Amino acid sequence: MDAARDERRARNEALFREVNERIEGLSSDLADESEQEGSIEVVCECGRADCTELIEVTRAEYEAVRSDPRRFIVVPGHEHTDTARVVERNSAFSVIEKLERAAEIAVEQDPRS
């Protein structure tokens, strides 16, 4: 295991989470009441610098993931099980929960904390 690579990936994941927080915030600001329960597109939070895949999630799904700062939304197949465990999987996305040092970084950089 490459500690520097894992730390860089964890920081990238936190950055993508922050991007998604801004997307969600702008989407909420622009949506009328009928759209508040709808879905939004977020960026895969896998931490790969070259990944730009989008994931459609409901606002409820997004908020469920954001309720734990160690959790991230990724495209199926983008899970890094050396630093995280999969806690939910469906056809559209996987939810991963960071472990050990990666979890510490996720909590430290959580925009909601």
Protein backbone atom coordinates (compact mmCIF):
# COMPACT_ATOMS: atom_id res chain seq x y z
CA MET A 1 0.00 0.00 0.00
CA ASP A 2 1.35 3.42 -1.00
CA ALA A 3 0.54 5.85 1.84
CA ALA A 4 1.22 8.99 -0.24
CA ARG A 5 -1.06 7.75 -3.04
CA ASP A 6 -3.81 6.88 -0.56
CA GLU A 7 -3.58 10.30 1.10
CA ARG A 8 -3.69 12.07 -2.28
CA ARG A 9 -6.73 10.00 -3.28
CA ALA A 10 -8.47 10.83 0.02
CA ARG A 11 -7.86 14.55 -0.51
CA ASN A 12 -9.14 14.31 -4.10
CA GLU A 13 -12.28 12.55 -2.86
CA ALA A 14 -12.84 15.33 -0.33
CA LEU A 15 -12.39 17.91 -3.10
CA PHE A 16 -14.97 16.19 -5.33
CA ARG A 17 -17.35 16.03 -2.36
CA GLU A 18 -16.96 19.80 -1.94
CA VAL A 19 -17.71 20.29 -5.66
CA ASN A 20 -20.87 18.22 -5.22
CA GLU A 21 -21.89 20.25 -2.20
CA ARG A 22 -21.70 23.37 -4.37
CA ILE A 23 -23.66 21.67 -7.16
CA GLU A 24 -26.34 20.62 -4.69
CA GLY A 25 -26.48 24.09 -3.15
CA LEU A 26 -26.85 25.82 -6.51
CA SER A 27 -29.41 23.27 -7.61
CA SER A 28 -31.45 23.87 -4.46
CA ASP A 29 -31.23 27.63 -4.88
CA LEU A 30 -32.46 27.45 -8.49
CA ALA A 31 -35.14 24.79 -8.02
CA ASP A 32 -38.73 25.68 -7.38
CA GLU A 33 -40.74 23.79 -4.74
CA SER A 34 -41.86 21.08 -7.16
CA GLU A 35 -38.21 20.27 -7.99
CA GLN A 36 -36.93 20.14 -4.40
CA GLU A 37 -37.70 16.41 -4.12
CA GLY A 38 -36.23 15.57 -7.54
CA SER A 39 -32.82 14.35 -8.53
CA ILE A 40 -29.48 16.03 -9.13
CA GLU A 41 -26.36 15.04 -11.05
CA VAL A 42 -23.17 14.88 -9.03
CA VAL A 43 -19.57 14.12 -9.93
CA CYS A 44 -18.14 10.69 -9.06
CA GLU A 45 -16.20 11.05 -5.81
CA CYS A 46 -13.76 8.19 -6.52
CA GLY A 47 -10.73 10.44 -6.17
CA ARG A 48 -9.23 9.76 -9.60
CA ALA A 49 -8.14 13.15 -10.93
CA ASP A 50 -9.20 12.20 -14.47
CA CYS A 51 -12.69 10.93 -13.55
CA THR A 52 -15.51 13.23 -14.65
CA GLU A 53 -18.37 10.74 -14.66
CA LEU A 54 -21.74 12.02 -13.49
CA ILE A 55 -24.16 10.17 -11.24
CA GLU A 56 -27.87 10.94 -10.95
CA VAL A 57 -29.12 10.69 -7.37
CA THR A 58 -32.25 11.80 -5.58
CA ARG A 59 -31.84 14.57 -3.05
CA ALA A 60 -32.79 12.06 -0.33
CA GLU A 61 -30.04 9.66 -1.46
CA TYR A 62 -27.53 12.50 -1.56
CA GLU A 63 -28.45 13.67 1.94
CA ALA A 64 -28.26 10.11 3.29
CA VAL A 65 -24.66 9.83 2.06
CA ARG A 66 -23.76 13.31 3.33
CA SER A 67 -25.05 12.43 6.82
CA ASP A 68 -21.77 10.56 7.44
CA PRO A 69 -18.61 12.49 6.52
CA ARG A 70 -16.74 9.23 5.87
CA ARG A 71 -19.10 8.29 3.00
CA PHE A 72 -18.76 9.07 -0.70
CA ILE A 73 -20.79 8.42 -3.88
CA VAL A 74 -18.94 6.67 -6.71
CA VAL A 75 -19.70 5.12 -10.07
CA PRO A 76 -19.93 1.31 -9.83
CA GLY A 77 -16.46 -0.09 -10.43
CA HIS A 78 -14.70 2.99 -9.00
CA GLU A 79 -14.53 1.62 -5.45
CA HIS A 80 -11.05 1.51 -3.89
CA THR A 81 -11.48 -1.26 -1.34
CA ASP A 82 -7.95 -0.85 0.00
CA THR A 83 -8.98 2.40 1.74
CA ALA A 84 -12.78 2.03 1.91
CA ARG A 85 -15.57 -0.49 2.20
CA VAL A 86 -18.73 -0.57 0.11
CA VAL A 87 -21.78 0.08 2.31
CA GLU A 88 -24.39 0.35 -0.46
CA ARG A 89 -24.50 -0.65 -4.10
CA ASN A 90 -27.15 -0.27 -6.79
CA SER A 91 -27.15 0.01 -10.57
CA ALA A 92 -26.51 3.78 -10.56
CA PHE A 93 -23.89 4.23 -7.84
CA SER A 94 -22.01 2.76 -4.90
CA VAL A 95 -21.58 4.34 -1.49
CA ILE A 96 -18.18 3.80 0.07
CA GLU A 97 -17.08 4.46 3.63
CA LYS A 98 -13.48 5.51 4.11
CA LEU A 99 -11.28 3.62 6.59
CA GLU A 100 -8.38 4.56 8.86
CA ARG A 101 -6.31 7.59 7.70
CA ALA A 102 -8.60 8.15 4.70
CA ALA A 103 -11.55 8.39 7.12
CA GLU A 104 -9.67 10.94 9.23
CA ILE A 105 -9.02 13.10 6.16
CA ALA A 106 -12.66 12.80 5.08
CA VAL A 107 -13.87 13.99 8.48
CA GLU A 108 -11.27 16.79 8.68
CA GLN A 109 -12.27 18.14 5.27
CA ASP A 110 -16.03 17.68 5.57
CA PRO A 111 -17.65 20.94 4.39
CA ARG A 112 -20.63 20.32 6.68
CA SER A 113 -18.57 20.09 9.87
